[in-house]
Amino acid sequence: MISKLSIIAKPKNMTAHEPPLGLISTIVIDDMTYWKTQKRDIPDINGIGFHSAEDMFLGLVDIRNVEIILSPLIAQGRDALEIARCLQNKGFRGKYRVIAEKLLSAKLIIDDIREEAPDVDFDILEI
């Protein structure tokens, strides 16, 4: 399944892109391995880091000064609730936004995630 993030991004190179420490304001979490196997290169966009969900869970992603994290509803078998809990446990206080097609249960998902990760500013961007 192709995620909405892989369609939105316009690829340029084949390596994960992360600007120098302190300059990242946005992180995109998705299945970067899938992007590569589909010959979708990882975009080279200033101020944006692209990472797999597993990298974040393993603590390989520095989220200290990040303003916003974007992901699909499910990334590498990890759903938005798991990602929000992980961000909560890591002390993330920025915005976490899921990009998804129109959802019938968006309010339910938002309420559940906000309850489980109250310090994370969570919402769903429906496209």
C-alpha atoms as a PDB file:
ATOM      1  CA  MET A   1       0.000   0.000   0.000  1.00  0.00           C
ATOM      2  CA  ILE A   2       1.350   3.429  -0.935  1.00  0.00           C
ATOM      3  CA  SER A   3       1.058   5.979   1.843  1.00  0.00           C
ATOM      4  CA  LYS A   4      -0.190   9.496   1.246  1.00  0.00           C
ATOM      5  CA  LEU A   5       3.169  10.861   2.384  1.00  0.00           C
ATOM      6  CA  SER A   6       4.994   9.031  -0.399  1.00  0.00           C
ATOM      7  CA  ILE A   7       2.636  10.555  -2.949  1.00  0.00           C
ATOM      8  CA  ILE A   8       2.899  14.094  -1.577  1.00  0.00           C
ATOM      9  CA  ALA A   9       6.699  14.163  -1.383  1.00  0.00           C
ATOM     10  CA  LYS A  10       8.677  14.879  -4.526  1.00  0.00           C
ATOM     11  CA  PRO A  11      11.800  12.673  -4.349  1.00  0.00           C
ATOM     12  CA  LYS A  12      15.348  13.742  -5.198  1.00  0.00           C
ATOM     13  CA  ASN A  13      17.877  11.295  -3.727  1.00  0.00           C
ATOM     14  CA  MET A  14      18.140   7.778  -2.307  1.00  0.00           C
ATOM     15  CA  THR A  15      19.461   8.447   1.181  1.00  0.00           C
ATOM     16  CA  ALA A  16      17.550   9.553   4.246  1.00  0.00           C
ATOM     17  CA  HIS A  17      17.819  13.293   4.502  1.00  0.00           C
ATOM     18  CA  GLU A  18      18.410  15.073   7.740  1.00  0.00           C
ATOM     19  CA  PRO A  19      19.749  18.626   7.950  1.00  0.00           C
ATOM     20  CA  PRO A  20      22.498  19.467  10.478  1.00  0.00           C
ATOM     21  CA  LEU A  21      21.521  19.071  14.156  1.00  0.00           C
ATOM     22  CA  GLY A  22      19.306  21.849  15.419  1.00  0.00           C
ATOM     23  CA  LEU A  23      17.950  22.797  12.000  1.00  0.00           C
ATOM     24  CA  ILE A  24      15.197  20.191  11.789  1.00  0.00           C
ATOM     25  CA  SER A  25      11.749  21.616  12.355  1.00  0.00           C
ATOM     26  CA  THR A  26       9.750  18.793  10.752  1.00  0.00           C
ATOM     27  CA  ILE A  27      10.097  15.017  10.783  1.00  0.00           C
ATOM     28  CA  VAL A  28       8.264  12.725   8.391  1.00  0.00           C
ATOM     29  CA  ILE A  29       7.808   9.170   9.655  1.00  0.00           C
ATOM     30  CA  ASP A  30       6.975   6.543   7.072  1.00  0.00           C
ATOM     31  CA  ASP A  31       8.282   3.294   5.654  1.00  0.00           C
ATOM     32  CA  MET A  32      11.470   4.578   4.027  1.00  0.00           C
ATOM     33  CA  THR A  33      12.501   1.063   2.987  1.00  0.00           C
ATOM     34  CA  TYR A  34       9.252   0.723   1.045  1.00  0.00           C
ATOM     35  CA  TRP A  35       9.888   4.074  -0.630  1.00  0.00           C
ATOM     36  CA  LYS A  36      13.262   2.795  -1.810  1.00  0.00           C
ATOM     37  CA  THR A  37      11.952  -0.590  -3.022  1.00  0.00           C
ATOM     38  CA  GLN A  38       9.351   1.271  -5.067  1.00  0.00           C
ATOM     39  CA  LYS A  39      12.154   3.399  -6.567  1.00  0.00           C
ATOM     40  CA  ARG A  40      10.812   6.431  -4.692  1.00  0.00           C
ATOM     41  CA  ASP A  41      13.731   8.483  -3.582  1.00  0.00           C
ATOM     42  CA  ILE A  42      13.709  10.290  -0.256  1.00  0.00           C
ATOM     43  CA  PRO A  43      13.250  14.033  -0.784  1.00  0.00           C
ATOM     44  CA  ASP A  44      16.014  16.478   0.016  1.00  0.00           C
ATOM     45  CA  ILE A  45      14.087  19.312   1.656  1.00  0.00           C
ATOM     46  CA  ASN A  46      15.772  21.810   3.953  1.00  0.00           C
ATOM     47  CA  GLY A  47      14.582  21.553   7.573  1.00  0.00           C
ATOM     48  CA  ILE A  48      12.818  18.212   7.135  1.00  0.00           C
ATOM     49  CA  GLY A  49      14.113  14.841   8.306  1.00  0.00           C
ATOM     50  CA  PHE A  50      12.712  11.587   6.886  1.00  0.00           C
ATOM     51  CA  HIS A  51      12.810   8.510   9.119  1.00  0.00           C
ATOM     52  CA  SER A  52      11.270   5.103   9.566  1.00  0.00           C
ATOM     53  CA  ALA A  53       8.927   4.410  12.472  1.00  0.00           C
ATOM     54  CA  GLU A  54      11.404   1.852  13.785  1.00  0.00           C
ATOM     55  CA  ASP A  55      14.195   4.455  13.892  1.00  0.00           C
ATOM     56  CA  MET A  56      12.016   6.567  16.161  1.00  0.00           C
ATOM     57  CA  PHE A  57      11.105   3.652  18.440  1.00  0.00           C
ATOM     58  CA  LEU A  58      14.776   2.679  18.698  1.00  0.00           C
ATOM     59  CA  GLY A  59      15.700   6.218  19.758  1.00  0.00           C
ATOM     60  CA  LEU A  60      17.642   6.982  16.578  1.00  0.00           C
ATOM     61  CA  VAL A  61      15.625  10.131  15.836  1.00  0.00           C
ATOM     62  CA  ASP A  62      16.401  13.342  17.710  1.00  0.00           C
ATOM     63  CA  ILE A  63      13.045  15.014  18.446  1.00  0.00           C
ATOM     64  CA  ARG A  64      14.245  17.600  20.978  1.00  0.00           C
ATOM     65  CA  ASN A  65      13.756  20.728  18.841  1.00  0.00           C
ATOM     66  CA  VAL A  66      11.226  19.415  16.348  1.00  0.00           C
ATOM     67  CA  GLU A  67       8.085  21.489  15.873  1.00  0.00           C
ATOM     68  CA  ILE A  68       5.959  18.973  13.980  1.00  0.00           C
ATOM     69  CA  ILE A  69       5.992  15.261  13.168  1.00  0.00           C
ATOM     70  CA  LEU A  70       3.976  13.903  10.242  1.00  0.00           C
ATOM     71  CA  SER A  71       3.053  10.283   9.592  1.00  0.00           C
ATOM     72  CA  PRO A  72       0.417   8.158   7.923  1.00  0.00           C
ATOM     73  CA  LEU A  73      -2.144   6.502  10.201  1.00  0.00           C
ATOM     74  CA  ILE A  74      -0.034   3.322  10.086  1.00  0.00           C
ATOM     75  CA  ALA A  75       3.722   3.336   9.388  1.00  0.00           C
ATOM     76  CA  GLN A  76       5.651   0.040   9.287  1.00  0.00           C
ATOM     77  CA  GLY A  77       2.966  -1.739  11.281  1.00  0.00           C
ATOM     78  CA  ARG A  78       2.977   0.977  13.961  1.00  0.00           C
ATOM     79  CA  ASP A  79      -0.258   2.902  14.303  1.00  0.00           C
ATOM     80  CA  ALA A  80      -0.644   6.540  15.290  1.00  0.00           C
ATOM     81  CA  LEU A  81      -1.526   5.598  18.880  1.00  0.00           C
ATOM     82  CA  GLU A  82       1.758   3.706  19.303  1.00  0.00           C
ATOM     83  CA  ILE A  83       3.698   6.573  17.751  1.00  0.00           C
ATOM     84  CA  ALA A  84       1.951   9.142  19.986  1.00  0.00           C
ATOM     85  CA  ARG A  85       2.693   7.048  23.105  1.00  0.00           C
ATOM     86  CA  CYS A  86       6.337   6.812  22.055  1.00  0.00           C
ATOM     87  CA  LEU A  87       6.484  10.588  21.567  1.00  0.00           C
ATOM     88  CA  GLN A  88       4.810  11.118  24.951  1.00  0.00           C
ATOM     89  CA  ASN A  89       7.357   8.822  26.639  1.00  0.00           C
ATOM     90  CA  LYS A  90      10.236  10.685  24.967  1.00  0.00           C
ATOM     91  CA  GLY A  91       8.949  14.036  26.246  1.00  0.00           C
ATOM     92  CA  PHE A  92       7.906  15.391  22.841  1.00  0.00           C
ATOM     93  CA  ARG A  93       5.838  18.558  23.251  1.00  0.00           C
ATOM     94  CA  GLY A  94       5.443  19.565  19.614  1.00  0.00           C
ATOM     95  CA  LYS A  95       2.714  18.819  17.124  1.00  0.00           C
ATOM     96  CA  TYR A  96       2.068  15.329  15.796  1.00  0.00           C
ATOM     97  CA  ARG A  97      -0.134  15.172  12.718  1.00  0.00           C
ATOM     98  CA  VAL A  98      -1.404  12.136  10.861  1.00  0.00           C
ATOM     99  CA  ILE A  99      -2.092  12.575   7.165  1.00  0.00           C
ATOM    100  CA  ALA A 100      -4.965  10.383   6.008  1.00  0.00           C
ATOM    101  CA  GLU A 101      -7.825  10.160   3.578  1.00  0.00           C
ATOM    102  CA  LYS A 102     -11.243  11.122   4.920  1.00  0.00           C
ATOM    103  CA  LEU A 103     -11.957   8.916   7.959  1.00  0.00           C
ATOM    104  CA  LEU A 104     -15.383   8.052   9.328  1.00  0.00           C
ATOM    105  CA  SER A 105     -13.901   7.596  12.794  1.00  0.00           C
ATOM    106  CA  ALA A 106     -11.484  10.560  12.876  1.00  0.00           C
ATOM    107  CA  LYS A 107     -12.951  12.078  16.056  1.00  0.00           C
ATOM    108  CA  LEU A 108     -12.766   8.733  17.868  1.00  0.00           C
ATOM    109  CA  ILE A 109      -9.130   8.267  16.852  1.00  0.00           C
ATOM    110  CA  ILE A 110      -8.236  11.839  17.856  1.00  0.00           C
ATOM    111  CA  ASP A 111      -9.956  11.496  21.245  1.00  0.00           C
ATOM    112  CA  ASP A 112      -8.245   8.150  21.976  1.00  0.00           C
ATOM    113  CA  ILE A 113      -4.801   9.437  21.086  1.00  0.00           C
ATOM    114  CA  ARG A 114      -5.221  12.687  23.004  1.00  0.00           C
ATOM    115  CA  GLU A 115      -6.267  10.665  26.061  1.00  0.00           C
ATOM    116  CA  GLU A 116      -3.274   8.305  25.805  1.00  0.00           C
ATOM    117  CA  ALA A 117      -0.712  11.023  24.997  1.00  0.00           C
ATOM    118  CA  PRO A 118      -2.064  14.245  26.560  1.00  0.00           C
ATOM    119  CA  ASP A 119       1.196  16.196  26.247  1.00  0.00           C
ATOM    120  CA  VAL A 120       1.397  15.630  22.483  1.00  0.00           C
ATOM    121  CA  ASP A 121      -0.535  18.119  20.351  1.00  0.00           C
ATOM    122  CA  PHE A 122      -2.256  15.567  18.086  1.00  0.00           C
ATOM    123  CA  ASP A 123      -4.608  15.958  15.165  1.00  0.00           C
ATOM    124  CA  ILE A 124      -5.460  14.354  11.838  1.00  0.00           C
ATOM    125  CA  LEU A 125      -5.067  16.183   8.534  1.00  0.00           C
ATOM    126  CA  GLU A 126      -7.579  14.644   6.168  1.00  0.00           C
ATOM    127  CA  ILE A 127      -6.814  14.933   2.460  1.00  0.00           C
END
